[in-house]
Amino acid sequence: MREMFKDFQIEGRTYRVEKFSVQDGAWLWFFFSARMKTPDLHDALSLISEAEFQQIADKVFAKTFFLSPDTALPVPVRHASGKVVDELLASDSMAYFDLMFQAIGFNLAPFFERALKEAKTEEKQ
C-alpha cells in the first residue's frame, strides 16, 4: 500500500510530510528531470533560480506539518501567506533545507527509483 505520509526527525522535532497531489508530484518530477544530469536531487536543486526555489518550497511546505508533542496534532509549518511559522524552520536555514530535501525525496522516490532502474538497464545493453 502506498504511504500517504512520512514522519521525519529534524533536530529533535517531528515533522509529517504528506504526499503531494498527483499534479504537483508529476510537475516536480518533470521540473527536476529537465535539470538533472544524473538522478541526484542535490544537483538539480543547485540549478534552480530563487523564484523556482520559492515555487517548490510553496508546494513542499503546503504538505508539511509539525507534530506537537503536547497534542500530537499536525500544525502547519507555514501560514497561508507563505510566512514560516514553525520556530525551528524560521530560524535555521539548514533545518529548512533538510526538511525540504526529505519531503521532495519522499514524494519523488518512485520516480528516482524508476530512473535508476532504467539507467542500469541501459548500462547493461
PDB file of N, CA and C in Angstrom:
ATOM      1  N   MET A   1       0.844  -1.188   0.000  1.00  0.00           N
ATOM      2  CA  MET A   1       0.000   0.000   0.000  1.00  0.00           C
ATOM      3  C   MET A   1       0.893   1.258   0.000  1.00  0.00           C
ATOM      4  N   ARG A   2       0.485   2.233  -0.717  1.00  0.00           N
ATOM      5  CA  ARG A   2       1.224   3.486  -0.861  1.00  0.00           C
ATOM      6  C   ARG A   2       1.195   4.296   0.433  1.00  0.00           C
ATOM      7  N   GLU A   3       2.356   4.756   0.859  1.00  0.00           N
ATOM      8  CA  GLU A   3       2.434   5.624   2.035  1.00  0.00           C
ATOM      9  C   GLU A   3       1.807   6.966   1.697  1.00  0.00           C
ATOM     10  N   MET A   4       0.934   7.451   2.562  1.00  0.00           N
ATOM     11  CA  MET A   4       0.292   8.740   2.339  1.00  0.00           C
ATOM     12  C   MET A   4       1.006   9.865   3.076  1.00  0.00           C
ATOM     13  N   PHE A   5       1.855   9.510   4.031  1.00  0.00           N
ATOM     14  CA  PHE A   5       2.661  10.488   4.742  1.00  0.00           C
ATOM     15  C   PHE A   5       3.872   9.782   5.330  1.00  0.00           C
ATOM     16  N   LYS A   6       4.841  10.589   5.719  1.00  0.00           N
ATOM     17  CA  LYS A   6       6.027  10.055   6.383  1.00  0.00           C
ATOM     18  C   LYS A   6       6.494  11.077   7.407  1.00  0.00           C
ATOM     19  N   ASP A   7       6.897  10.575   8.574  1.00  0.00           N
ATOM     20  CA  ASP A   7       7.397  11.447   9.627  1.00  0.00           C
ATOM     21  C   ASP A   7       8.917  11.510   9.562  1.00  0.00           C
ATOM     22  N   PHE A   8       9.450  12.714   9.773  1.00  0.00           N
ATOM     23  CA  PHE A   8      10.891  12.946   9.759  1.00  0.00           C
ATOM     24  C   PHE A   8      11.297  13.646  11.040  1.00  0.00           C
ATOM     25  N   GLN A   9      12.470  13.303  11.533  1.00  0.00           N
ATOM     26  CA  GLN A   9      13.048  13.966  12.703  1.00  0.00           C
ATOM     27  C   GLN A   9      14.080  14.982  12.215  1.00  0.00           C
ATOM     28  N   ILE A  10      13.907  16.213  12.581  1.00  0.00           N
ATOM     29  CA  ILE A  10      14.860  17.269  12.268  1.00  0.00           C
ATOM     30  C   ILE A  10      15.183  17.968  13.589  1.00  0.00           C
ATOM     31  N   GLU A  11      16.405  17.834  14.021  1.00  0.00           N
ATOM     32  CA  GLU A  11      16.872  18.458  15.262  1.00  0.00           C
ATOM     33  C   GLU A  11      15.935  18.198  16.444  1.00  0.00           C
ATOM     34  N   GLY A  12      15.521  16.944  16.580  1.00  0.00           N
ATOM     35  CA  GLY A  12      14.700  16.537  17.715  1.00  0.00           C
ATOM     36  C   GLY A  12      13.225  16.868  17.594  1.00  0.00           C
ATOM     37  N   ARG A  13      12.832  17.456  16.494  1.00  0.00           N
ATOM     38  CA  ARG A  13      11.416  17.786  16.276  1.00  0.00           C
ATOM     39  C   ARG A  13      10.861  16.863  15.204  1.00  0.00           C
ATOM     40  N   THR A  14       9.599  16.494  15.335  1.00  0.00           N
ATOM     41  CA  THR A  14       8.975  15.586  14.376  1.00  0.00           C
ATOM     42  C   THR A  14       8.098  16.367  13.416  1.00  0.00           C
ATOM     43  N   TYR A  15       8.334  16.116  12.133  1.00  0.00           N
ATOM     44  CA  TYR A  15       7.554  16.740  11.073  1.00  0.00           C
ATOM     45  C   TYR A  15       6.889  15.662  10.246  1.00  0.00           C
ATOM     46  N   ARG A  16       5.683  15.925   9.819  1.00  0.00           N
ATOM     47  CA  ARG A  16       4.954  14.996   8.955  1.00  0.00           C
ATOM     48  C   ARG A  16       4.844  15.612   7.563  1.00  0.00           C
ATOM     49  N   VAL A  17       5.250  14.827   6.579  1.00  0.00           N
ATOM     50  CA  VAL A  17       5.160  15.243   5.184  1.00  0.00           C
ATOM     51  C   VAL A  17       4.116  14.358   4.518  1.00  0.00           C
ATOM     52  N   GLU A  18       3.127  14.986   3.935  1.00  0.00           N
ATOM     53  CA  GLU A  18       2.091  14.256   3.206  1.00  0.00           C
ATOM     54  C   GLU A  18       2.489  14.137   1.740  1.00  0.00           C
ATOM     55  N   LYS A  19       1.887  13.191   1.062  1.00  0.00           N
ATOM     56  CA  LYS A  19       2.113  13.046  -0.374  1.00  0.00           C
ATOM     57  C   LYS A  19       1.587  14.273  -1.108  1.00  0.00           C
ATOM     58  N   PHE A  20       2.327  14.670  -2.139  1.00  0.00           N
ATOM     59  CA  PHE A  20       1.879  15.758  -2.992  1.00  0.00           C
ATOM     60  C   PHE A  20       0.673  15.301  -3.798  1.00  0.00           C
ATOM     61  N   SER A  21      -0.073  16.242  -4.347  1.00  0.00           N
ATOM     62  CA  SER A  21      -1.121  15.876  -5.300  1.00  0.00           C
ATOM     63  C   SER A  21      -0.427  15.237  -6.502  1.00  0.00           C
ATOM     64  N   VAL A  22      -1.151  14.467  -7.282  1.00  0.00           N
ATOM     65  CA  VAL A  22      -0.527  13.824  -8.447  1.00  0.00           C
ATOM     66  C   VAL A  22      -0.009  14.878  -9.423  1.00  0.00           C
ATOM     67  N   GLN A  23      -0.707  15.995  -9.546  1.00  0.00           N
ATOM     68  CA  GLN A  23      -0.255  17.050 -10.445  1.00  0.00           C
ATOM     69  C   GLN A  23       1.055  17.669  -9.959  1.00  0.00           C
ATOM     70  N   ASP A  24       1.134  17.967  -8.653  1.00  0.00           N
ATOM     71  CA  ASP A  24       2.360  18.562  -8.117  1.00  0.00           C
ATOM     72  C   ASP A  24       3.526  17.583  -8.190  1.00  0.00           C
ATOM     73  N   GLY A  25       3.276  16.319  -7.881  1.00  0.00           N
ATOM     74  CA  GLY A  25       4.340  15.317  -7.962  1.00  0.00           C
ATOM     75  C   GLY A  25       4.874  15.170  -9.376  1.00  0.00           C
ATOM     76  N   ALA A  26       3.972  15.086 -10.340  1.00  0.00           N
ATOM     77  CA  ALA A  26       4.397  14.957 -11.737  1.00  0.00           C
ATOM     78  C   ALA A  26       5.117  16.217 -12.206  1.00  0.00           C
ATOM     79  N   TRP A  27       4.585  17.383 -11.834  1.00  0.00           N
ATOM     80  CA  TRP A  27       5.240  18.638 -12.223  1.00  0.00           C
ATOM     81  C   TRP A  27       6.646  18.703 -11.653  1.00  0.00           C
ATOM     82  N   LEU A  28       6.811  18.373 -10.361  1.00  0.00           N
ATOM     83  CA  LEU A  28       8.137  18.425  -9.750  1.00  0.00           C
ATOM     84  C   LEU A  28       9.094  17.443 -10.419  1.00  0.00           C
ATOM     85  N   TRP A  29       8.601  16.266 -10.755  1.00  0.00           N
ATOM     86  CA  TRP A  29       9.482  15.304 -11.432  1.00  0.00           C
ATOM     87  C   TRP A  29       9.935  15.851 -12.787  1.00  0.00           C
ATOM     88  N   PHE A  30       9.015  16.357 -13.571  1.00  0.00           N
ATOM     89  CA  PHE A  30       9.402  16.923 -14.874  1.00  0.00           C
ATOM     90  C   PHE A  30      10.340  18.108 -14.684  1.00  0.00           C
ATOM     91  N   PHE A  31      10.053  18.936 -13.696  1.00  0.00           N
ATOM     92  CA  PHE A  31      10.890  20.088 -13.405  1.00  0.00           C
ATOM     93  C   PHE A  31      12.315  19.654 -13.094  1.00  0.00           C
ATOM     94  N   PHE A  32      12.468  18.710 -12.165  1.00  0.00           N
ATOM     95  CA  PHE A  32      13.810  18.265 -11.777  1.00  0.00           C
ATOM     96  C   PHE A  32      14.484  17.448 -12.869  1.00  0.00           C
ATOM     97  N   SER A  33      13.759  16.569 -13.517  1.00  0.00           N
ATOM     98  CA  SER A  33      14.397  15.720 -14.520  1.00  0.00           C
ATOM     99  C   SER A  33      14.903  16.537 -15.707  1.00  0.00           C
ATOM    100  N   ALA A  34      14.280  17.656 -15.984  1.00  0.00           N
ATOM    101  CA  ALA A  34      14.747  18.517 -17.071  1.00  0.00           C
ATOM    102  C   ALA A  34      16.072  19.184 -16.716  1.00  0.00           C
ATOM    103  N   ARG A  35      16.401  19.245 -15.428  1.00  0.00           N
ATOM    104  CA  ARG A  35      17.616  19.922 -14.974  1.00  0.00           C
ATOM    105  C   ARG A  35      18.717  18.966 -14.510  1.00  0.00           C
ATOM    106  N   MET A  36      18.397  17.690 -14.450  1.00  0.00           N
ATOM    107  CA  MET A  36      19.337  16.738 -13.867  1.00  0.00           C
ATOM    108  C   MET A  36      20.180  16.043 -14.924  1.00  0.00           C
ATOM    109  N   LYS A  37      21.483  15.979 -14.647  1.00  0.00           N
ATOM    110  CA  LYS A  37      22.382  15.194 -15.493  1.00  0.00           C
ATOM    111  C   LYS A  37      22.431  13.761 -14.997  1.00  0.00           C
ATOM    112  N   THR A  38      22.237  13.581 -13.684  1.00  0.00           N
ATOM    113  CA  THR A  38      22.170  12.279 -13.040  1.00  0.00           C
ATOM    114  C   THR A  38      20.964  12.318 -12.103  1.00  0.00           C
ATOM    115  N   PRO A  39      20.479  11.173 -11.666  1.00  0.00           N
ATOM    116  CA  PRO A  39      19.346  11.200 -10.725  1.00  0.00           C
ATOM    117  C   PRO A  39      19.796  11.611  -9.319  1.00  0.00           C
ATOM    118  N   ASP A  40      20.288  12.838  -9.213  1.00  0.00           N
ATOM    119  CA  ASP A  40      20.782  13.369  -7.944  1.00  0.00           C
ATOM    120  C   ASP A  40      20.053  14.675  -7.662  1.00  0.00           C
ATOM    121  N   LEU A  41      19.236  14.640  -6.639  1.00  0.00           N
ATOM    122  CA  LEU A  41      18.411  15.797  -6.298  1.00  0.00           C
ATOM    123  C   LEU A  41      19.261  17.006  -5.914  1.00  0.00           C
ATOM    124  N   HIS A  42      20.397  16.786  -5.254  1.00  0.00           N
ATOM    125  CA  HIS A  42      21.276  17.910  -4.910  1.00  0.00           C
ATOM    126  C   HIS A  42      21.714  18.665  -6.164  1.00  0.00           C
ATOM    127  N   ASP A  43      22.085  17.902  -7.219  1.00  0.00           N
ATOM    128  CA  ASP A  43      22.484  18.534  -8.478  1.00  0.00           C
ATOM    129  C   ASP A  43      21.363  19.405  -9.033  1.00  0.00           C
ATOM    130  N   ALA A  44      20.153  18.856  -9.042  1.00  0.00           N
ATOM    131  CA  ALA A  44      19.019  19.582  -9.602  1.00  0.00           C
ATOM    132  C   ALA A  44      18.713  20.838  -8.798  1.00  0.00           C
ATOM    133  N   LEU A  45      18.775  20.736  -7.471  1.00  0.00           N
ATOM    134  CA  LEU A  45      18.483  21.904  -6.633  1.00  0.00           C
ATOM    135  C   LEU A  45      19.511  23.008  -6.813  1.00  0.00           C
ATOM    136  N   SER A  46      20.722  22.642  -7.205  1.00  0.00           N
ATOM    137  CA  SER A  46      21.754  23.662  -7.388  1.00  0.00           C
ATOM    138  C   SER A  46      21.566  24.466  -8.671  1.00  0.00           C
ATOM    139  N   LEU A  47      20.662  24.024  -9.534  1.00  0.00           N
ATOM    140  CA  LEU A  47      20.475  24.673 -10.828  1.00  0.00           C
ATOM    141  C   LEU A  47      19.200  25.511 -10.928  1.00  0.00           C
ATOM    142  N   ILE A  48      18.551  25.767  -9.802  1.00  0.00           N
ATOM    143  CA  ILE A  48      17.281  26.485  -9.875  1.00  0.00           C
ATOM    144  C   ILE A  48      17.451  27.940  -9.430  1.00  0.00           C
ATOM    145  N   SER A  49      16.554  28.762  -9.927  1.00  0.00           N
ATOM    146  CA  SER A  49      16.559  30.179  -9.561  1.00  0.00           C
ATOM    147  C   SER A  49      15.872  30.365  -8.203  1.00  0.00           C
ATOM    148  N   GLU A  50      16.002  31.559  -7.662  1.00  0.00           N
ATOM    149  CA  GLU A  50      15.343  31.857  -6.388  1.00  0.00           C
ATOM    150  C   GLU A  50      13.821  31.756  -6.522  1.00  0.00           C
ATOM    151  N   ALA A  51      13.288  32.223  -7.637  1.00  0.00           N
ATOM    152  CA  ALA A  51      11.835  32.145  -7.852  1.00  0.00           C
ATOM    153  C   ALA A  51      11.379  30.693  -7.955  1.00  0.00           C
ATOM    154  N   GLU A  52      12.161  29.864  -8.636  1.00  0.00           N
ATOM    155  CA  GLU A  52      11.825  28.442  -8.738  1.00  0.00           C
ATOM    156  C   GLU A  52      11.918  27.771  -7.369  1.00  0.00           C
ATOM    157  N   PHE A  53      12.949  28.135  -6.600  1.00  0.00           N
ATOM    158  CA  PHE A  53      13.092  27.605  -5.246  1.00  0.00           C
ATOM    159  C   PHE A  53      11.855  27.935  -4.419  1.00  0.00           C
ATOM    160  N   GLN A  54      11.379  29.168  -4.505  1.00  0.00           N
ATOM    161  CA  GLN A  54      10.201  29.579  -3.738  1.00  0.00           C
ATOM    162  C   GLN A  54       8.964  28.817  -4.183  1.00  0.00           C
ATOM    163  N   GLN A  55       8.841  28.608  -5.479  1.00  0.00           N
ATOM    164  CA  GLN A  55       7.696  27.864  -6.002  1.00  0.00           C
ATOM    165  C   GLN A  55       7.698  26.425  -5.472  1.00  0.00           C
ATOM    166  N   ILE A  56       8.866  25.807  -5.447  1.00  0.00           N
ATOM    167  CA  ILE A  56       8.979  24.444  -4.928  1.00  0.00           C
ATOM    168  C   ILE A  56       8.709  24.432  -3.429  1.00  0.00           C
ATOM    169  N   ALA A  57       9.287  25.382  -2.696  1.00  0.00           N
ATOM    170  CA  ALA A  57       9.065  25.470  -1.248  1.00  0.00           C
ATOM    171  C   ALA A  57       7.576  25.622  -0.936  1.00  0.00           C
ATOM    172  N   ASP A  58       6.862  26.405  -1.726  1.00  0.00           N
ATOM    173  CA  ASP A  58       5.421  26.580  -1.513  1.00  0.00           C
ATOM    174  C   ASP A  58       4.694  25.239  -1.609  1.00  0.00           C
ATOM    175  N   LYS A  59       5.042  24.442  -2.607  1.00  0.00           N
ATOM    176  CA  LYS A  59       4.399  23.133  -2.788  1.00  0.00           C
ATOM    177  C   LYS A  59       4.782  22.177  -1.662  1.00  0.00           C
ATOM    178  N   VAL A  60       6.065  22.173  -1.304  1.00  0.00           N
ATOM    179  CA  VAL A  60       6.554  21.270  -0.261  1.00  0.00           C
ATOM    180  C   VAL A  60       5.933  21.600   1.090  1.00  0.00           C
ATOM    181  N   PHE A  61       6.013  22.857   1.496  1.00  0.00           N
ATOM    182  CA  PHE A  61       5.580  23.194   2.842  1.00  0.00           C
ATOM    183  C   PHE A  61       4.065  23.297   2.989  1.00  0.00           C
ATOM    184  N   ALA A  62       3.342  23.282   1.884  1.00  0.00           N
ATOM    185  CA  ALA A  62       1.877  23.165   1.968  1.00  0.00           C
ATOM    186  C   ALA A  62       1.487  21.770   2.456  1.00  0.00           C
ATOM    187  N   LYS A  63       2.397  20.817   2.307  1.00  0.00           N
ATOM    188  CA  LYS A  63       2.138  19.431   2.695  1.00  0.00           C
ATOM    189  C   LYS A  63       2.981  18.997   3.890  1.00  0.00           C
ATOM    190  N   THR A  64       3.525  19.958   4.647  1.00  0.00           N
ATOM    191  CA  THR A  64       4.429  19.657   5.748  1.00  0.00           C
ATOM    192  C   THR A  64       3.892  20.238   7.049  1.00  0.00           C
ATOM    193  N   PHE A  65       3.936  19.420   8.100  1.00  0.00           N
ATOM    194  CA  PHE A  65       3.361  19.792   9.387  1.00  0.00           C
ATOM    195  C   PHE A  65       4.304  19.430  10.523  1.00  0.00           C
ATOM    196  N   PHE A  66       4.282  20.229  11.568  1.00  0.00           N
ATOM    197  CA  PHE A  66       4.991  19.927  12.808  1.00  0.00           C
ATOM    198  C   PHE A  66       4.052  19.111  13.676  1.00  0.00           C
ATOM    199  N   LEU A  67       4.560  18.027  14.256  1.00  0.00           N
ATOM    200  CA  LEU A  67       3.748  17.233  15.182  1.00  0.00           C
ATOM    201  C   LEU A  67       4.085  17.667  16.599  1.00  0.00           C
ATOM    202  N   SER A  68       3.190  18.399  17.189  1.00  0.00           N
ATOM    203  CA  SER A  68       3.395  18.926  18.534  1.00  0.00           C
ATOM    204  C   SER A  68       3.412  17.788  19.546  1.00  0.00           C
ATOM    205  N   PRO A  69       4.444  17.720  20.388  1.00  0.00           N
ATOM    206  CA  PRO A  69       4.473  16.655  21.405  1.00  0.00           C
ATOM    207  C   PRO A  69       3.362  16.829  22.441  1.00  0.00           C
ATOM    208  N   ASP A  70       2.824  18.022  22.564  1.00  0.00           N
ATOM    209  CA  ASP A  70       1.757  18.275  23.531  1.00  0.00           C
ATOM    210  C   ASP A  70       0.423  17.709  23.073  1.00  0.00           C
ATOM    211  N   THR A  71       0.144  17.824  21.791  1.00  0.00           N
ATOM    212  CA  THR A  71      -1.170  17.413  21.287  1.00  0.00           C
ATOM    213  C   THR A  71      -1.104  16.297  20.260  1.00  0.00           C
ATOM    214  N   ALA A  72       0.070  16.070  19.659  1.00  0.00           N
ATOM    215  CA  ALA A  72       0.266  15.102  18.573  1.00  0.00           C
ATOM    216  C   ALA A  72      -0.568  15.450  17.340  1.00  0.00           C
ATOM    217  N   LEU A  73      -1.084  16.659  17.309  1.00  0.00           N
ATOM    218  CA  LEU A  73      -1.843  17.112  16.151  1.00  0.00           C
ATOM    219  C   LEU A  73      -0.897  17.798  15.168  1.00  0.00           C
ATOM    220  N   PRO A  74      -1.117  17.593  13.873  1.00  0.00           N
ATOM    221  CA  PRO A  74      -0.266  18.263  12.884  1.00  0.00           C
ATOM    222  C   PRO A  74      -0.557  19.763  12.824  1.00  0.00           C
ATOM    223  N   VAL A  75       0.516  20.555  12.914  1.00  0.00           N
ATOM    224  CA  VAL A  75       0.423  22.010  12.865  1.00  0.00           C
ATOM    225  C   VAL A  75       1.137  22.480  11.597  1.00  0.00           C
ATOM    226  N   PRO A  76       0.470  23.239  10.732  1.00  0.00           N
ATOM    227  CA  PRO A  76       1.149  23.715   9.512  1.00  0.00           C
ATOM    228  C   PRO A  76       2.435  24.467   9.866  1.00  0.00           C
ATOM    229  N   VAL A  77       3.476  24.277   9.041  1.00  0.00           N
ATOM    230  CA  VAL A  77       4.745  24.968   9.292  1.00  0.00           C
ATOM    231  C   VAL A  77       4.788  26.336   8.630  1.00  0.00           C
ATOM    232  N   ARG A  78       3.847  26.591   7.735  1.00  0.00           N
ATOM    233  CA  ARG A  78       3.777  27.900   7.061  1.00  0.00           C
ATOM    234  C   ARG A  78       2.357  28.410   7.100  1.00  0.00           C
ATOM    235  N   HIS A  79       2.247  29.704   7.250  1.00  0.00           N
ATOM    236  CA  HIS A  79       0.963  30.389   7.177  1.00  0.00           C
ATOM    237  C   HIS A  79       0.553  30.441   5.703  1.00  0.00           C
ATOM    238  N   ALA A  80      -0.710  30.618   5.436  1.00  0.00           N
ATOM    239  CA  ALA A  80      -1.197  30.716   4.053  1.00  0.00           C
ATOM    240  C   ALA A  80      -0.505  31.840   3.281  1.00  0.00           C
ATOM    241  N   SER A  81      -0.016  32.843   3.996  1.00  0.00           N
ATOM    242  CA  SER A  81       0.698  33.960   3.353  1.00  0.00           C
ATOM    243  C   SER A  81       2.084  33.548   2.856  1.00  0.00           C
ATOM    244  N   GLY A  82       2.549  32.380   3.300  1.00  0.00           N
ATOM    245  CA  GLY A  82       3.877  31.915   2.917  1.00  0.00           C
ATOM    246  C   GLY A  82       4.913  32.091   4.012  1.00  0.00           C
ATOM    247  N   LYS A  83       4.558  32.797   5.068  1.00  0.00           N
ATOM    248  CA  LYS A  83       5.494  33.015   6.170  1.00  0.00           C
ATOM    249  C   LYS A  83       5.672  31.722   6.961  1.00  0.00           C
ATOM    250  N   VAL A  84       6.938  31.378   7.237  1.00  0.00           N
ATOM    251  CA  VAL A  84       7.239  30.200   8.044  1.00  0.00           C
ATOM    252  C   VAL A  84       6.883  30.512   9.492  1.00  0.00           C
ATOM    253  N   VAL A  85       6.031  29.700  10.079  1.00  0.00           N
ATOM    254  CA  VAL A  85       5.607  29.938  11.454  1.00  0.00           C
ATOM    255  C   VAL A  85       6.211  28.936  12.432  1.00  0.00           C
ATOM    256  N   ASP A  86       6.805  27.874  11.933  1.00  0.00           N
ATOM    257  CA  ASP A  86       7.483  26.924  12.803  1.00  0.00           C
ATOM    258  C   ASP A  86       8.785  27.561  13.284  1.00  0.00           C
ATOM    259  N   GLU A  87       9.004  27.582  14.599  1.00  0.00           N
ATOM    260  CA  GLU A  87      10.147  28.306  15.163  1.00  0.00           C
ATOM    261  C   GLU A  87      11.501  27.781  14.692  1.00  0.00           C
ATOM    262  N   LEU A  88      11.661  26.478  14.547  1.00  0.00           N
ATOM    263  CA  LEU A  88      12.947  25.945  14.088  1.00  0.00           C
ATOM    264  C   LEU A  88      13.184  26.295  12.624  1.00  0.00           C
ATOM    265  N   LEU A  89      12.199  26.036  11.791  1.00  0.00           N
ATOM    266  CA  LEU A  89      12.367  26.291  10.355  1.00  0.00           C
ATOM    267  C   LEU A  89      12.512  27.776  10.043  1.00  0.00           C
ATOM    268  N   ALA A  90      11.925  28.616  10.866  1.00  0.00           N
ATOM    269  CA  ALA A  90      12.018  30.061  10.656  1.00  0.00           C
ATOM    270  C   ALA A  90      13.389  30.611  11.024  1.00  0.00           C
ATOM    271  N   SER A  91      14.154  29.850  11.813  1.00  0.00           N
ATOM    272  CA  SER A  91      15.430  30.385  12.294  1.00  0.00           C
ATOM    273  C   SER A  91      16.653  29.566  11.877  1.00  0.00           C
ATOM    274  N   ASP A  92      16.464  28.445  11.221  1.00  0.00           N
ATOM    275  CA  ASP A  92      17.582  27.562  10.898  1.00  0.00           C
ATOM    276  C   ASP A  92      17.510  27.154   9.427  1.00  0.00           C
ATOM    277  N   SER A  93      18.333  27.775   8.608  1.00  0.00           N
ATOM    278  CA  SER A  93      18.310  27.503   7.158  1.00  0.00           C
ATOM    279  C   SER A  93      18.608  26.051   6.838  1.00  0.00           C
ATOM    280  N   MET A  94      19.516  25.436   7.581  1.00  0.00           N
ATOM    281  CA  MET A  94      19.864  24.044   7.307  1.00  0.00           C
ATOM    282  C   MET A  94      18.703  23.116   7.635  1.00  0.00           C
ATOM    283  N   ALA A  95      18.009  23.365   8.738  1.00  0.00           N
ATOM    284  CA  ALA A  95      16.835  22.556   9.087  1.00  0.00           C
ATOM    285  C   ALA A  95      15.760  22.711   8.009  1.00  0.00           C
ATOM    286  N   TYR A  96      15.571  23.944   7.537  1.00  0.00           N
ATOM    287  CA  TYR A  96      14.601  24.237   6.471  1.00  0.00           C
ATOM    288  C   TYR A  96      14.952  23.432   5.216  1.00  0.00           C
ATOM    289  N   PHE A  97      16.228  23.479   4.823  1.00  0.00           N
ATOM    290  CA  PHE A  97      16.662  22.760   3.634  1.00  0.00           C
ATOM    291  C   PHE A  97      16.553  21.253   3.838  1.00  0.00           C
ATOM    292  N   ASP A  98      16.988  20.753   5.008  1.00  0.00           N
ATOM    293  CA  ASP A  98      16.918  19.307   5.271  1.00  0.00           C
ATOM    294  C   ASP A  98      15.490  18.792   5.136  1.00  0.00           C
ATOM    295  N   LEU A  99      14.546  19.509   5.735  1.00  0.00           N
ATOM    296  CA  LEU A  99      13.155  19.060   5.677  1.00  0.00           C
ATOM    297  C   LEU A  99      12.618  19.153   4.258  1.00  0.00           C
ATOM    298  N   MET A 100      12.978  20.205   3.553  1.00  0.00           N
ATOM    299  CA  MET A 100      12.543  20.355   2.162  1.00  0.00           C
ATOM    300  C   MET A 100      13.092  19.204   1.309  1.00  0.00           C
ATOM    301  N   PHE A 101      14.371  18.904   1.486  1.00  0.00           N
ATOM    302  CA  PHE A 101      15.016  17.828   0.742  1.00  0.00           C
ATOM    303  C   PHE A 101      14.365  16.480   1.055  1.00  0.00           C
ATOM    304  N   GLN A 102      14.102  16.227   2.333  1.00  0.00           N
ATOM    305  CA  GLN A 102      13.451  14.970   2.739  1.00  0.00           C
ATOM    306  C   GLN A 102      12.052  14.856   2.134  1.00  0.00           C
ATOM    307  N   ALA A 103      11.308  15.948   2.145  1.00  0.00           N
ATOM    308  CA  ALA A 103       9.944  15.943   1.608  1.00  0.00           C
ATOM    309  C   ALA A 103       9.942  15.660   0.107  1.00  0.00           C
ATOM    310  N   ILE A 104      10.863  16.281  -0.613  1.00  0.00           N
ATOM    311  CA  ILE A 104      10.947  16.042  -2.059  1.00  0.00           C
ATOM    312  C   ILE A 104      11.357  14.603  -2.319  1.00  0.00           C
ATOM    313  N   GLY A 105      12.349  14.142  -1.579  1.00  0.00           N
ATOM    314  CA  GLY A 105      12.798  12.756  -1.748  1.00  0.00           C
ATOM    315  C   GLY A 105      11.696  11.753  -1.481  1.00  0.00           C
ATOM    316  N   PHE A 106      10.941  11.956  -0.411  1.00  0.00           N
ATOM    317  CA  PHE A 106       9.823  11.062  -0.084  1.00  0.00           C
ATOM    318  C   PHE A 106       8.795  11.050  -1.211  1.00  0.00           C
ATOM    319  N   ASN A 107       8.455  12.211  -1.700  1.00  0.00           N
ATOM    320  CA  ASN A 107       7.416  12.296  -2.725  1.00  0.00           C
ATOM    321  C   ASN A 107       7.875  11.835  -4.096  1.00  0.00           C
ATOM    322  N   LEU A 108       9.131  12.024  -4.413  1.00  0.00           N
ATOM    323  CA  LEU A 108       9.612  11.662  -5.750  1.00  0.00           C
ATOM    324  C   LEU A 108      10.385  10.352  -5.780  1.00  0.00           C
ATOM    325  N   ALA A 109      10.473   9.635  -4.656  1.00  0.00           N
ATOM    326  CA  ALA A 109      11.229   8.377  -4.595  1.00  0.00           C
ATOM    327  C   ALA A 109      10.840   7.395  -5.711  1.00  0.00           C
ATOM    328  N   PRO A 110       9.550   7.193  -6.006  1.00  0.00           N
ATOM    329  CA  PRO A 110       9.218   6.257  -7.081  1.00  0.00           C
ATOM    330  C   PRO A 110       9.797   6.676  -8.439  1.00  0.00           C
ATOM    331  N   PHE A 111       9.827   7.964  -8.706  1.00  0.00           N
ATOM    332  CA  PHE A 111      10.396   8.460  -9.960  1.00  0.00           C
ATOM    333  C   PHE A 111      11.908   8.209 -10.004  1.00  0.00           C
ATOM    334  N   PHE A 112      12.594   8.500  -8.884  1.00  0.00           N
ATOM    335  CA  PHE A 112      14.040   8.298  -8.831  1.00  0.00           C
ATOM    336  C   PHE A 112      14.387   6.814  -8.954  1.00  0.00           C
ATOM    337  N   GLU A 113      13.615   5.959  -8.276  1.00  0.00           N
ATOM    338  CA  GLU A 113      13.863   4.520  -8.351  1.00  0.00           C
ATOM    339  C   GLU A 113      13.710   4.023  -9.786  1.00  0.00           C
ATOM    340  N   ARG A 114      12.695   4.487 -10.457  1.00  0.00           N
ATOM    341  CA  ARG A 114      12.477   4.085 -11.849  1.00  0.00           C
ATOM    342  C   ARG A 114      13.607   4.588 -12.752  1.00  0.00           C
ATOM    343  N   ALA A 115      14.027   5.834 -12.546  1.00  0.00           N
ATOM    344  CA  ALA A 115      15.106   6.396 -13.363  1.00  0.00           C
ATOM    345  C   ALA A 115      16.403   5.622 -13.158  1.00  0.00           C
ATOM    346  N   LEU A 116      16.700   5.257 -11.916  1.00  0.00           N
ATOM    347  CA  LEU A 116      17.916   4.484 -11.645  1.00  0.00           C
ATOM    348  C   LEU A 116      17.839   3.098 -12.270  1.00  0.00           C
ATOM    349  N   LYS A 117      16.670   2.478 -12.179  1.00  0.00           N
ATOM    350  CA  LYS A 117      16.478   1.153 -12.775  1.00  0.00           C
ATOM    351  C   LYS A 117      16.663   1.225 -14.289  1.00  0.00           C
ATOM    352  N   GLU A 118      16.088   2.241 -14.916  1.00  0.00           N
ATOM    353  CA  GLU A 118      16.230   2.400 -16.366  1.00  0.00           C
ATOM    354  C   GLU A 118      17.672   2.690 -16.758  1.00  0.00           C
ATOM    355  N   ALA A 119      18.381   3.477 -15.947  1.00  0.00           N
ATOM    356  CA  ALA A 119      19.781   3.779 -16.230  1.00  0.00           C
ATOM    357  C   ALA A 119      20.631   2.517 -16.133  1.00  0.00           C
ATOM    358  N   LYS A 120      20.363   1.676 -15.159  1.00  0.00           N
ATOM    359  CA  LYS A 120      21.109   0.415 -15.003  1.00  0.00           C
ATOM    360  C   LYS A 120      20.817  -0.529 -16.172  1.00  0.00           C
ATOM    361  N   THR A 121      19.574  -0.538 -16.629  1.00  0.00           N
ATOM    362  CA  THR A 121      19.195  -1.387 -17.759  1.00  0.00           C
ATOM    363  C   THR A 121      19.930  -0.929 -19.022  1.00  0.00           C
ATOM    364  N   GLU A 122      20.020   0.380 -19.218  1.00  0.00           N
ATOM    365  CA  GLU A 122      20.723   0.935 -20.381  1.00  0.00           C
ATOM    366  C   GLU A 122      22.219   0.626 -20.322  1.00  0.00           C
ATOM    367  N   GLU A 123      22.804   0.630 -19.109  1.00  0.00           N
ATOM    368  CA  GLU A 123      24.219   0.333 -18.967  1.00  0.00           C
ATOM    369  C   GLU A 123      24.526  -1.106 -19.378  1.00  0.00           C
ATOM    370  N   LYS A 124      23.600  -2.020 -19.095  1.00  0.00           N
ATOM    371  CA  LYS A 124      23.798  -3.436 -19.419  1.00  0.00           C
ATOM    372  C   LYS A 124      23.725  -3.697 -20.908  1.00  0.00           C
ATOM    373  N   GLN A 125      23.071  -2.812 -21.637  1.00  0.00           N
ATOM    374  CA  GLN A 125      22.880  -3.038 -23.084  1.00  0.00           C
ATOM    375  C   GLN A 125      24.058  -2.595 -23.887  1.00  0.00           C
TER     376      GLN A 125
END
